[in-house]
Amino acid sequence: MGATYRWRLAPDGLATRRQLRALGLRPGGQDVVAELHRPRRRRAPLVAYLYRVDRAKPVRPMTPGRTAALAAAMLARRTCPNCRTDAGYCIPRSLGMCVPCHDSP
């Protein structure tokens, strides 16, 4: 790994994964070039990994198969394992079931 920069002091041409995604790019298999540290009081600093923008590749387009797989995964997250209905929201992992099933005795 390369250099370490403080918060907001990274040079131009480097970006985090989220910043690359906002530009329609992805790291594309390149290694992390640098780290960005954001200091916090009484805790370890937050760390973000930086990638070179000029080596980034475009985001792969969504195919019909990927769209179907994503829809199936989201349906599984919304389906209550207790009552087998679509809750309309992602089931909280802390509860393990929809809110009405959790609240009923």
PDB file of N, CA and C in Angstrom:
ATOM      1  N   MET A   1       0.840  -1.160   0.000  1.00  0.00           N
ATOM      2  CA  MET A   1       0.000   0.000   0.000  1.00  0.00           C
ATOM      3  C   MET A   1       0.889   1.228   0.000  1.00  0.00           C
ATOM      4  N   GLY A   2       0.342   2.300  -0.515  1.00  0.00           N
ATOM      5  CA  GLY A   2       1.122   3.516  -0.681  1.00  0.00           C
ATOM      6  C   GLY A   2       1.002   4.470   0.485  1.00  0.00           C
ATOM      7  N   ALA A   3       0.708   5.686   0.182  1.00  0.00           N
ATOM      8  CA  ALA A   3       0.713   6.778   1.149  1.00  0.00           C
ATOM      9  C   ALA A   3      -0.538   6.780   2.015  1.00  0.00           C
ATOM     10  N   THR A   4      -0.450   7.573   3.073  1.00  0.00           N
ATOM     11  CA  THR A   4      -1.585   7.800   3.964  1.00  0.00           C
ATOM     12  C   THR A   4      -1.844   9.300   4.010  1.00  0.00           C
ATOM     13  N   TYR A   5      -3.092   9.683   3.787  1.00  0.00           N
ATOM     14  CA  TYR A   5      -3.469  11.092   3.781  1.00  0.00           C
ATOM     15  C   TYR A   5      -4.472  11.362   4.886  1.00  0.00           C
ATOM     16  N   ARG A   6      -4.469  12.588   5.374  1.00  0.00           N
ATOM     17  CA  ARG A   6      -5.467  12.999   6.353  1.00  0.00           C
ATOM     18  C   ARG A   6      -6.739  13.391   5.617  1.00  0.00           C
ATOM     19  N   TRP A   7      -7.820  13.488   6.370  1.00  0.00           N
ATOM     20  CA  TRP A   7      -9.142  13.799   5.845  1.00  0.00           C
ATOM     21  C   TRP A   7      -9.109  15.061   4.984  1.00  0.00           C
ATOM     22  N   ARG A   8      -9.658  14.980   3.799  1.00  0.00           N
ATOM     23  CA  ARG A   8      -9.776  16.073   2.830  1.00  0.00           C
ATOM     24  C   ARG A   8      -8.447  16.544   2.245  1.00  0.00           C
ATOM     25  N   LEU A   9      -7.361  15.823   2.437  1.00  0.00           N
ATOM     26  CA  LEU A   9      -6.069  16.246   1.925  1.00  0.00           C
ATOM     27  C   LEU A   9      -5.498  15.294   0.868  1.00  0.00           C
ATOM     28  N   ALA A  10      -6.321  14.418   0.340  1.00  0.00           N
ATOM     29  CA  ALA A  10      -5.848  13.501  -0.701  1.00  0.00           C
ATOM     30  C   ALA A  10      -5.705  14.269  -2.016  1.00  0.00           C
ATOM     31  N   PRO A  11      -4.710  13.933  -2.813  1.00  0.00           N
ATOM     32  CA  PRO A  11      -4.530  14.639  -4.082  1.00  0.00           C
ATOM     33  C   PRO A  11      -5.607  14.280  -5.092  1.00  0.00           C
ATOM     34  N   ASP A  12      -5.743  15.110  -6.117  1.00  0.00           N
ATOM     35  CA  ASP A  12      -6.684  14.830  -7.203  1.00  0.00           C
ATOM     36  C   ASP A  12      -6.242  13.564  -7.925  1.00  0.00           C
ATOM     37  N   GLY A  13      -7.201  12.876  -8.496  1.00  0.00           N
ATOM     38  CA  GLY A  13      -6.885  11.653  -9.216  1.00  0.00           C
ATOM     39  C   GLY A  13      -7.066  10.403  -8.383  1.00  0.00           C
ATOM     40  N   LEU A  14      -7.351  10.552  -7.085  1.00  0.00           N
ATOM     41  CA  LEU A  14      -7.639   9.415  -6.214  1.00  0.00           C
ATOM     42  C   LEU A  14      -9.073   9.531  -5.730  1.00  0.00           C
ATOM     43  N   ALA A  15      -9.741   8.392  -5.570  1.00  0.00           N
ATOM     44  CA  ALA A  15     -11.137   8.406  -5.143  1.00  0.00           C
ATOM     45  C   ALA A  15     -11.460   7.130  -4.377  1.00  0.00           C
ATOM     46  N   THR A  16     -12.463   7.212  -3.505  1.00  0.00           N
ATOM     47  CA  THR A  16     -12.964   6.042  -2.786  1.00  0.00           C
ATOM     48  C   THR A  16     -13.903   5.263  -3.707  1.00  0.00           C
ATOM     49  N   ARG A  17     -14.311   4.089  -3.252  1.00  0.00           N
ATOM     50  CA  ARG A  17     -15.255   3.294  -4.041  1.00  0.00           C
ATOM     51  C   ARG A  17     -16.559   4.055  -4.300  1.00  0.00           C
ATOM     52  N   ARG A  18     -17.069   4.732  -3.284  1.00  0.00           N
ATOM     53  CA  ARG A  18     -18.316   5.479  -3.456  1.00  0.00           C
ATOM     54  C   ARG A  18     -18.148   6.633  -4.440  1.00  0.00           C
ATOM     55  N   GLN A  19     -17.014   7.300  -4.378  1.00  0.00           N
ATOM     56  CA  GLN A  19     -16.776   8.389  -5.315  1.00  0.00           C
ATOM     57  C   GLN A  19     -16.633   7.855  -6.741  1.00  0.00           C
ATOM     58  N   LEU A  20     -15.977   6.710  -6.887  1.00  0.00           N
ATOM     59  CA  LEU A  20     -15.885   6.095  -8.210  1.00  0.00           C
ATOM     60  C   LEU A  20     -17.267   5.726  -8.730  1.00  0.00           C
ATOM     61  N   ARG A  21     -18.089   5.173  -7.866  1.00  0.00           N
ATOM     62  CA  ARG A  21     -19.433   4.758  -8.266  1.00  0.00           C
ATOM     63  C   ARG A  21     -20.272   5.954  -8.707  1.00  0.00           C
ATOM     64  N   ALA A  22     -20.110   7.085  -8.012  1.00  0.00           N
ATOM     65  CA  ALA A  22     -20.832   8.298  -8.388  1.00  0.00           C
ATOM     66  C   ALA A  22     -20.411   8.788  -9.775  1.00  0.00           C
ATOM     67  N   LEU A  23     -19.195   8.454 -10.182  1.00  0.00           N
ATOM     68  CA  LEU A  23     -18.703   8.811 -11.508  1.00  0.00           C
ATOM     69  C   LEU A  23     -19.027   7.743 -12.555  1.00  0.00           C
ATOM     70  N   GLY A  24     -19.700   6.662 -12.122  1.00  0.00           N
ATOM     71  CA  GLY A  24     -20.022   5.575 -13.037  1.00  0.00           C
ATOM     72  C   GLY A  24     -18.854   4.642 -13.279  1.00  0.00           C
ATOM     73  N   LEU A  25     -17.937   4.569 -12.297  1.00  0.00           N
ATOM     74  CA  LEU A  25     -16.738   3.747 -12.423  1.00  0.00           C
ATOM     75  C   LEU A  25     -16.656   2.723 -11.304  1.00  0.00           C
ATOM     76  N   ARG A  26     -15.729   1.766 -11.459  1.00  0.00           N
ATOM     77  CA  ARG A  26     -15.438   0.769 -10.439  1.00  0.00           C
ATOM     78  C   ARG A  26     -13.926   0.588 -10.384  1.00  0.00           C
ATOM     79  N   PRO A  27     -13.379   0.068  -9.277  1.00  0.00           N
ATOM     80  CA  PRO A  27     -11.925  -0.095  -9.200  1.00  0.00           C
ATOM     81  C   PRO A  27     -11.361  -0.986 -10.299  1.00  0.00           C
ATOM     82  N   GLY A  28     -12.079  -1.986 -10.715  1.00  0.00           N
ATOM     83  CA  GLY A  28     -11.643  -2.811 -11.836  1.00  0.00           C
ATOM     84  C   GLY A  28     -10.443  -3.684 -11.545  1.00  0.00           C
ATOM     85  N   GLY A  29     -10.307  -4.175 -10.326  1.00  0.00           N
ATOM     86  CA  GLY A  29      -9.241  -5.094  -9.997  1.00  0.00           C
ATOM     87  C   GLY A  29      -7.936  -4.449  -9.589  1.00  0.00           C
ATOM     88  N   GLN A  30      -7.858  -3.144  -9.601  1.00  0.00           N
ATOM     89  CA  GLN A  30      -6.610  -2.486  -9.195  1.00  0.00           C
ATOM     90  C   GLN A  30      -6.439  -2.540  -7.687  1.00  0.00           C
ATOM     91  N   ASP A  31      -5.211  -2.494  -7.247  1.00  0.00           N
ATOM     92  CA  ASP A  31      -4.913  -2.510  -5.821  1.00  0.00           C
ATOM     93  C   ASP A  31      -5.168  -1.137  -5.205  1.00  0.00           C
ATOM     94  N   VAL A  32      -5.315  -1.127  -3.891  1.00  0.00           N
ATOM     95  CA  VAL A  32      -5.483   0.126  -3.161  1.00  0.00           C
ATOM     96  C   VAL A  32      -4.187   0.921  -3.280  1.00  0.00           C
ATOM     97  N   VAL A  33      -4.312   2.205  -3.629  1.00  0.00           N
ATOM     98  CA  VAL A  33      -3.146   3.055  -3.839  1.00  0.00           C
ATOM     99  C   VAL A  33      -2.756   3.762  -2.547  1.00  0.00           C
ATOM    100  N   ALA A  34      -3.756   4.196  -1.772  1.00  0.00           N
ATOM    101  CA  ALA A  34      -3.479   4.965  -0.558  1.00  0.00           C
ATOM    102  C   ALA A  34      -4.638   4.806   0.420  1.00  0.00           C
ATOM    103  N   GLU A  35      -4.416   5.301   1.635  1.00  0.00           N
ATOM    104  CA  GLU A  35      -5.453   5.311   2.667  1.00  0.00           C
ATOM    105  C   GLU A  35      -5.756   6.750   3.049  1.00  0.00           C
ATOM    106  N   LEU A  36      -6.997   6.962   3.443  1.00  0.00           N
ATOM    107  CA  LEU A  36      -7.426   8.261   3.927  1.00  0.00           C
ATOM    108  C   LEU A  36      -7.874   8.068   5.370  1.00  0.00           C
ATOM    109  N   HIS A  37      -7.320   8.839   6.299  1.00  0.00           N
ATOM    110  CA  HIS A  37      -7.652   8.699   7.713  1.00  0.00           C
ATOM    111  C   HIS A  37      -8.434   9.910   8.174  1.00  0.00           C
ATOM    112  N   ARG A  38      -9.574   9.648   8.807  1.00  0.00           N
ATOM    113  CA  ARG A  38     -10.362  10.719   9.410  1.00  0.00           C
ATOM    114  C   ARG A  38     -10.286  10.551  10.916  1.00  0.00           C
ATOM    115  N   PRO A  39      -9.610  11.479  11.607  1.00  0.00           N
ATOM    116  CA  PRO A  39      -9.450  11.321  13.058  1.00  0.00           C
ATOM    117  C   PRO A  39     -10.780  11.465  13.802  1.00  0.00           C
ATOM    118  N   ARG A  40     -10.878  10.731  14.911  1.00  0.00           N
ATOM    119  CA  ARG A  40     -12.044  10.820  15.793  1.00  0.00           C
ATOM    120  C   ARG A  40     -11.550  10.901  17.227  1.00  0.00           C
ATOM    121  N   ARG A  41     -12.322  11.516  18.065  1.00  0.00           N
ATOM    122  CA  ARG A  41     -11.951  11.635  19.478  1.00  0.00           C
ATOM    123  C   ARG A  41     -12.140  10.311  20.204  1.00  0.00           C
ATOM    124  N   ARG A  42     -11.132   9.908  20.934  1.00  0.00           N
ATOM    125  CA  ARG A  42     -11.162   8.731  21.801  1.00  0.00           C
ATOM    126  C   ARG A  42     -11.496   7.429  21.074  1.00  0.00           C
ATOM    127  N   ARG A  43     -11.332   7.406  19.773  1.00  0.00           N
ATOM    128  CA  ARG A  43     -11.549   6.179  19.008  1.00  0.00           C
ATOM    129  C   ARG A  43     -10.532   6.114  17.882  1.00  0.00           C
ATOM    130  N   ALA A  44     -10.417   4.970  17.308  1.00  0.00           N
ATOM    131  CA  ALA A  44      -9.514   4.809  16.168  1.00  0.00           C
ATOM    132  C   ALA A  44     -10.038   5.619  14.983  1.00  0.00           C
ATOM    133  N   PRO A  45      -9.160   6.103  14.128  1.00  0.00           N
ATOM    134  CA  PRO A  45      -9.630   6.907  12.994  1.00  0.00           C
ATOM    135  C   PRO A  45     -10.397   6.060  11.980  1.00  0.00           C
ATOM    136  N   LEU A  46     -11.312   6.719  11.272  1.00  0.00           N
ATOM    137  CA  LEU A  46     -11.992   6.057  10.167  1.00  0.00           C
ATOM    138  C   LEU A  46     -11.015   5.955   9.004  1.00  0.00           C
ATOM    139  N   VAL A  47     -11.043   4.853   8.308  1.00  0.00           N
ATOM    140  CA  VAL A  47     -10.110   4.626   7.205  1.00  0.00           C
ATOM    141  C   VAL A  47     -10.907   4.406   5.926  1.00  0.00           C
ATOM    142  N   ALA A  48     -10.513   5.095   4.863  1.00  0.00           N
ATOM    143  CA  ALA A  48     -11.087   4.897   3.535  1.00  0.00           C
ATOM    144  C   ALA A  48      -9.945   4.545   2.592  1.00  0.00           C
ATOM    145  N   TYR A  49     -10.183   3.611   1.718  1.00  0.00           N
ATOM    146  CA  TYR A  49      -9.168   3.200   0.762  1.00  0.00           C
ATOM    147  C   TYR A  49      -9.358   3.971  -0.538  1.00  0.00           C
ATOM    148  N   LEU A  50      -8.250   4.415  -1.121  1.00  0.00           N
ATOM    149  CA  LEU A  50      -8.284   5.232  -2.323  1.00  0.00           C
ATOM    150  C   LEU A  50      -7.760   4.460  -3.529  1.00  0.00           C
ATOM    151  N   TYR A  51      -8.396   4.705  -4.678  1.00  0.00           N
ATOM    152  CA  TYR A  51      -8.038   4.073  -5.938  1.00  0.00           C
ATOM    153  C   TYR A  51      -7.760   5.156  -6.974  1.00  0.00           C
ATOM    154  N   ARG A  52      -6.969   4.809  -7.980  1.00  0.00           N
ATOM    155  CA  ARG A  52      -6.666   5.760  -9.044  1.00  0.00           C
ATOM    156  C   ARG A  52      -7.852   5.848 -10.000  1.00  0.00           C
ATOM    157  N   VAL A  53      -8.271   7.076 -10.285  1.00  0.00           N
ATOM    158  CA  VAL A  53      -9.415   7.283 -11.171  1.00  0.00           C
ATOM    159  C   VAL A  53      -9.058   6.930 -12.611  1.00  0.00           C
ATOM    160  N   ASP A  54      -7.827   7.213 -13.024  1.00  0.00           N
ATOM    161  CA  ASP A  54      -7.454   6.946 -14.409  1.00  0.00           C
ATOM    162  C   ASP A  54      -7.367   5.450 -14.731  1.00  0.00           C
ATOM    163  N   ARG A  55      -7.218   4.599 -13.727  1.00  0.00           N
ATOM    164  CA  ARG A  55      -7.191   3.151 -13.935  1.00  0.00           C
ATOM    165  C   ARG A  55      -8.557   2.499 -13.734  1.00  0.00           C
ATOM    166  N   ALA A  56      -9.537   3.261 -13.280  1.00  0.00           N
ATOM    167  CA  ALA A  56     -10.866   2.709 -13.013  1.00  0.00           C
ATOM    168  C   ALA A  56     -11.561   2.338 -14.320  1.00  0.00           C
ATOM    169  N   LYS A  57     -12.425   1.346 -14.234  1.00  0.00           N
ATOM    170  CA  LYS A  57     -13.172   0.872 -15.400  1.00  0.00           C
ATOM    171  C   LYS A  57     -14.636   1.247 -15.249  1.00  0.00           C
ATOM    172  N   PRO A  58     -15.368   1.299 -16.352  1.00  0.00           N
ATOM    173  CA  PRO A  58     -16.791   1.623 -16.251  1.00  0.00           C
ATOM    174  C   PRO A  58     -17.565   0.518 -15.518  1.00  0.00           C
ATOM    175  N   VAL A  59     -18.639   0.917 -14.868  1.00  0.00           N
ATOM    176  CA  VAL A  59     -19.504  -0.036 -14.171  1.00  0.00           C
ATOM    177  C   VAL A  59     -20.161  -0.935 -15.205  1.00  0.00           C
ATOM    178  N   ARG A  60     -20.234  -2.210 -14.894  1.00  0.00           N
ATOM    179  CA  ARG A  60     -20.881  -3.149 -15.816  1.00  0.00           C
ATOM    180  C   ARG A  60     -22.379  -2.854 -15.862  1.00  0.00           C
ATOM    181  N   PRO A  61     -22.982  -2.932 -17.041  1.00  0.00           N
ATOM    182  CA  PRO A  61     -24.427  -2.655 -17.135  1.00  0.00           C
ATOM    183  C   PRO A  61     -25.237  -3.791 -16.511  1.00  0.00           C
ATOM    184  N   MET A  62     -26.428  -3.436 -16.048  1.00  0.00           N
ATOM    185  CA  MET A  62     -27.326  -4.445 -15.483  1.00  0.00           C
ATOM    186  C   MET A  62     -27.899  -5.291 -16.608  1.00  0.00           C
ATOM    187  N   THR A  63     -27.778  -6.603 -16.477  1.00  0.00           N
ATOM    188  CA  THR A  63     -28.348  -7.523 -17.457  1.00  0.00           C
ATOM    189  C   THR A  63     -29.698  -7.993 -16.936  1.00  0.00           C
ATOM    190  N   PRO A  64     -30.533  -8.556 -17.779  1.00  0.00           N
ATOM    191  CA  PRO A  64     -31.820  -9.073 -17.295  1.00  0.00           C
ATOM    192  C   PRO A  64     -31.653 -10.137 -16.201  1.00  0.00           C
ATOM    193  N   GLY A  65     -30.633 -10.966 -16.304  1.00  0.00           N
ATOM    194  CA  GLY A  65     -30.401 -11.989 -15.290  1.00  0.00           C
ATOM    195  C   GLY A  65     -30.026 -11.385 -13.940  1.00  0.00           C
ATOM    196  N   ARG A  66     -29.150 -10.367 -13.961  1.00  0.00           N
ATOM    197  CA  ARG A  66     -28.762  -9.697 -12.712  1.00  0.00           C
ATOM    198  C   ARG A  66     -29.953  -8.969 -12.095  1.00  0.00           C
ATOM    199  N   THR A  67     -30.790  -8.362 -12.940  1.00  0.00           N
ATOM    200  CA  THR A  67     -31.986  -7.674 -12.445  1.00  0.00           C
ATOM    201  C   THR A  67     -32.928  -8.669 -11.771  1.00  0.00           C
ATOM    202  N   ALA A  68     -33.127  -9.824 -12.382  1.00  0.00           N
ATOM    203  CA  ALA A  68     -34.006 -10.845 -11.811  1.00  0.00           C
ATOM    204  C   ALA A  68     -33.433 -11.386 -10.498  1.00  0.00           C
ATOM    205  N   ALA A  69     -32.126 -11.602 -10.452  1.00  0.00           N
ATOM    206  CA  ALA A  69     -31.504 -12.106  -9.229  1.00  0.00           C
ATOM    207  C   ALA A  69     -31.615 -11.094  -8.101  1.00  0.00           C
ATOM    208  N   LEU A  70     -31.430  -9.822  -8.402  1.00  0.00           N
ATOM    209  CA  LEU A  70     -31.561  -8.778  -7.389  1.00  0.00           C
ATOM    210  C   LEU A  70     -32.998  -8.683  -6.883  1.00  0.00           C
ATOM    211  N   ALA A  71     -33.976  -8.787  -7.787  1.00  0.00           N
ATOM    212  CA  ALA A  71     -35.383  -8.751  -7.379  1.00  0.00           C
ATOM    213  C   ALA A  71     -35.724  -9.941  -6.482  1.00  0.00           C
ATOM    214  N   ALA A  72     -35.205 -11.122  -6.796  1.00  0.00           N
ATOM    215  CA  ALA A  72     -35.460 -12.310  -5.977  1.00  0.00           C
ATOM    216  C   ALA A  72     -34.819 -12.175  -4.596  1.00  0.00           C
ATOM    217  N   ALA A  73     -33.617 -11.609  -4.540  1.00  0.00           N
ATOM    218  CA  ALA A  73     -32.950 -11.427  -3.252  1.00  0.00           C
ATOM    219  C   ALA A  73     -33.707 -10.428  -2.376  1.00  0.00           C
ATOM    220  N   MET A  74     -34.193  -9.352  -2.984  1.00  0.00           N
ATOM    221  CA  MET A  74     -34.948  -8.364  -2.209  1.00  0.00           C
ATOM    222  C   MET A  74     -36.289  -8.924  -1.738  1.00  0.00           C
ATOM    223  N   LEU A  75     -36.926  -9.750  -2.553  1.00  0.00           N
ATOM    224  CA  LEU A  75     -38.170 -10.399  -2.127  1.00  0.00           C
ATOM    225  C   LEU A  75     -37.912 -11.320  -0.938  1.00  0.00           C
ATOM    226  N   ALA A  76     -36.800 -12.032  -0.948  1.00  0.00           N
ATOM    227  CA  ALA A  76     -36.461 -12.908   0.177  1.00  0.00           C
ATOM    228  C   ALA A  76     -36.224 -12.097   1.450  1.00  0.00           C
ATOM    229  N   ARG A  77     -35.650 -10.907   1.337  1.00  0.00           N
ATOM    230  CA  ARG A  77     -35.422 -10.066   2.522  1.00  0.00           C
ATOM    231  C   ARG A  77     -36.715  -9.482   3.064  1.00  0.00           C
ATOM    232  N   ARG A  78     -37.736  -9.335   2.191  1.00  0.00           N
ATOM    233  CA  ARG A  78     -39.022  -8.771   2.627  1.00  0.00           C
ATOM    234  C   ARG A  78     -40.001  -9.832   3.116  1.00  0.00           C
ATOM    235  N   THR A  79     -39.774 -11.114   2.814  1.00  0.00           N
ATOM    236  CA  THR A  79     -40.712 -12.173   3.162  1.00  0.00           C
ATOM    237  C   THR A  79     -40.474 -12.639   4.596  1.00  0.00           C
ATOM    238  N   CYS A  80     -41.545 -12.613   5.390  1.00  0.00           N
ATOM    239  CA  CYS A  80     -41.462 -13.044   6.786  1.00  0.00           C
ATOM    240  C   CYS A  80     -41.382 -14.569   6.838  1.00  0.00           C
ATOM    241  N   PRO A  81     -40.412 -15.137   7.560  1.00  0.00           N
ATOM    242  CA  PRO A  81     -40.324 -16.598   7.635  1.00  0.00           C
ATOM    243  C   PRO A  81     -41.428 -17.206   8.495  1.00  0.00           C
ATOM    244  N   ASN A  82     -42.085 -16.392   9.302  1.00  0.00           N
ATOM    245  CA  ASN A  82     -43.134 -16.886  10.206  1.00  0.00           C
ATOM    246  C   ASN A  82     -44.483 -16.996   9.492  1.00  0.00           C
ATOM    247  N   CYS A  83     -44.946 -15.894   8.880  1.00  0.00           N
ATOM    248  CA  CYS A  83     -46.265 -15.884   8.241  1.00  0.00           C
ATOM    249  C   CYS A  83     -46.199 -16.006   6.723  1.00  0.00           C
ATOM    250  N   ARG A  84     -44.990 -16.010   6.149  1.00  0.00           N
ATOM    251  CA  ARG A  84     -44.753 -16.179   4.722  1.00  0.00           C
ATOM    252  C   ARG A  84     -45.424 -15.115   3.857  1.00  0.00           C
ATOM    253  N   THR A  85     -45.552 -13.899   4.345  1.00  0.00           N
ATOM    254  CA  THR A  85     -46.117 -12.812   3.555  1.00  0.00           C
ATOM    255  C   THR A  85     -45.035 -11.781   3.253  1.00  0.00           C
ATOM    256  N   ASP A  86     -45.277 -11.000   2.196  1.00  0.00           N
ATOM    257  CA  ASP A  86     -44.372  -9.913   1.843  1.00  0.00           C
ATOM    258  C   ASP A  86     -44.697  -8.745   2.764  1.00  0.00           C
ATOM    259  N   ALA A  87     -43.766  -8.390   3.635  1.00  0.00           N
ATOM    260  CA  ALA A  87     -44.000  -7.339   4.611  1.00  0.00           C
ATOM    261  C   ALA A  87     -44.000  -5.957   3.983  1.00  0.00           C
ATOM    262  N   GLY A  88     -43.428  -5.796   2.788  1.00  0.00           N
ATOM    263  CA  GLY A  88     -43.360  -4.494   2.157  1.00  0.00           C
ATOM    264  C   GLY A  88     -42.131  -3.699   2.572  1.00  0.00           C
ATOM    265  N   TYR A  89     -41.313  -4.266   3.449  1.00  0.00           N
ATOM    266  CA  TYR A  89     -40.067  -3.644   3.904  1.00  0.00           C
ATOM    267  C   TYR A  89     -39.100  -4.772   4.234  1.00  0.00           C
ATOM    268  N   CYS A  90     -37.837  -4.462   4.307  1.00  0.00           N
ATOM    269  CA  CYS A  90     -36.849  -5.486   4.651  1.00  0.00           C
ATOM    270  C   CYS A  90     -37.018  -5.881   6.112  1.00  0.00           C
ATOM    271  N   ILE A  91     -37.116  -7.165   6.374  1.00  0.00           N
ATOM    272  CA  ILE A  91     -37.309  -7.683   7.726  1.00  0.00           C
ATOM    273  C   ILE A  91     -36.065  -7.359   8.559  1.00  0.00           C
ATOM    274  N   PRO A  92     -36.227  -6.737   9.737  1.00  0.00           N
ATOM    275  CA  PRO A  92     -35.054  -6.462  10.577  1.00  0.00           C
ATOM    276  C   PRO A  92     -34.399  -7.763  11.024  1.00  0.00           C
ATOM    277  N   ARG A  93     -33.091  -7.831  10.878  1.00  0.00           N
ATOM    278  CA  ARG A  93     -32.368  -9.037  11.278  1.00  0.00           C
ATOM    279  C   ARG A  93     -32.420  -9.229  12.787  1.00  0.00           C
ATOM    280  N   SER A  94     -32.563  -8.131  13.524  1.00  0.00           N
ATOM    281  CA  SER A  94     -32.630  -8.243  14.976  1.00  0.00           C
ATOM    282  C   SER A  94     -33.916  -8.946  15.419  1.00  0.00           C
ATOM    283  N   LEU A  95     -35.002  -8.803  14.643  1.00  0.00           N
ATOM    284  CA  LEU A  95     -36.257  -9.449  14.991  1.00  0.00           C
ATOM    285  C   LEU A  95     -36.377 -10.833  14.376  1.00  0.00           C
ATOM    286  N   GLY A  96     -35.924 -10.981  13.133  1.00  0.00           N
ATOM    287  CA  GLY A  96     -35.996 -12.258  12.451  1.00  0.00           C
ATOM    288  C   GLY A  96     -37.368 -12.553  11.855  1.00  0.00           C
ATOM    289  N   MET A  97     -38.311 -11.641  12.008  1.00  0.00           N
ATOM    290  CA  MET A  97     -39.661 -11.786  11.456  1.00  0.00           C
ATOM    291  C   MET A  97     -40.276 -10.404  11.325  1.00  0.00           C
ATOM    292  N   CYS A  98     -41.415 -10.312  10.689  1.00  0.00           N
ATOM    293  CA  CYS A  98     -42.058  -9.007  10.519  1.00  0.00           C
ATOM    294  C   CYS A  98     -42.516  -8.477  11.877  1.00  0.00           C
ATOM    295  N   VAL A  99     -42.751  -7.188  11.937  1.00  0.00           N
ATOM    296  CA  VAL A  99     -43.108  -6.551  13.206  1.00  0.00           C
ATOM    297  C   VAL A  99     -44.418  -7.090  13.775  1.00  0.00           C
ATOM    298  N   PRO A 100     -45.510  -7.268  12.957  1.00  0.00           N
ATOM    299  CA  PRO A 100     -46.743  -7.844  13.541  1.00  0.00           C
ATOM    300  C   PRO A 100     -46.538  -9.237  14.142  1.00  0.00           C
ATOM    301  N   CYS A 101     -45.755 -10.086  13.483  1.00  0.00           N
ATOM    302  CA  CYS A 101     -45.500 -11.424  14.035  1.00  0.00           C
ATOM    303  C   CYS A 101     -44.676 -11.325  15.322  1.00  0.00           C
ATOM    304  N   HIS A 102     -43.755 -10.404  15.373  1.00  0.00           N
ATOM    305  CA  HIS A 102     -42.915 -10.250  16.566  1.00  0.00           C
ATOM    306  C   HIS A 102     -43.722  -9.706  17.736  1.00  0.00           C
ATOM    307  N   ASP A 103     -44.674  -8.786  17.452  1.00  0.00           N
ATOM    308  CA  ASP A 103     -45.443  -8.171  18.521  1.00  0.00           C
ATOM    309  C   ASP A 103     -46.600  -9.030  19.002  1.00  0.00           C
ATOM    310  N   SER A 104     -47.046 -10.003  18.194  1.00  0.00           N
ATOM    311  CA  SER A 104     -48.169 -10.839  18.637  1.00  0.00           C
ATOM    312  C   SER A 104     -47.650 -11.898  19.609  1.00  0.00           C
ATOM    313  N   PRO A 105     -48.457 -12.239  20.634  1.00  0.00           N
ATOM    314  CA  PRO A 105     -48.006 -13.214  21.643  1.00  0.00           C
ATOM    315  C   PRO A 105     -47.958 -14.650  21.123  1.00  0.00           C
TER     316      PRO A 105
END
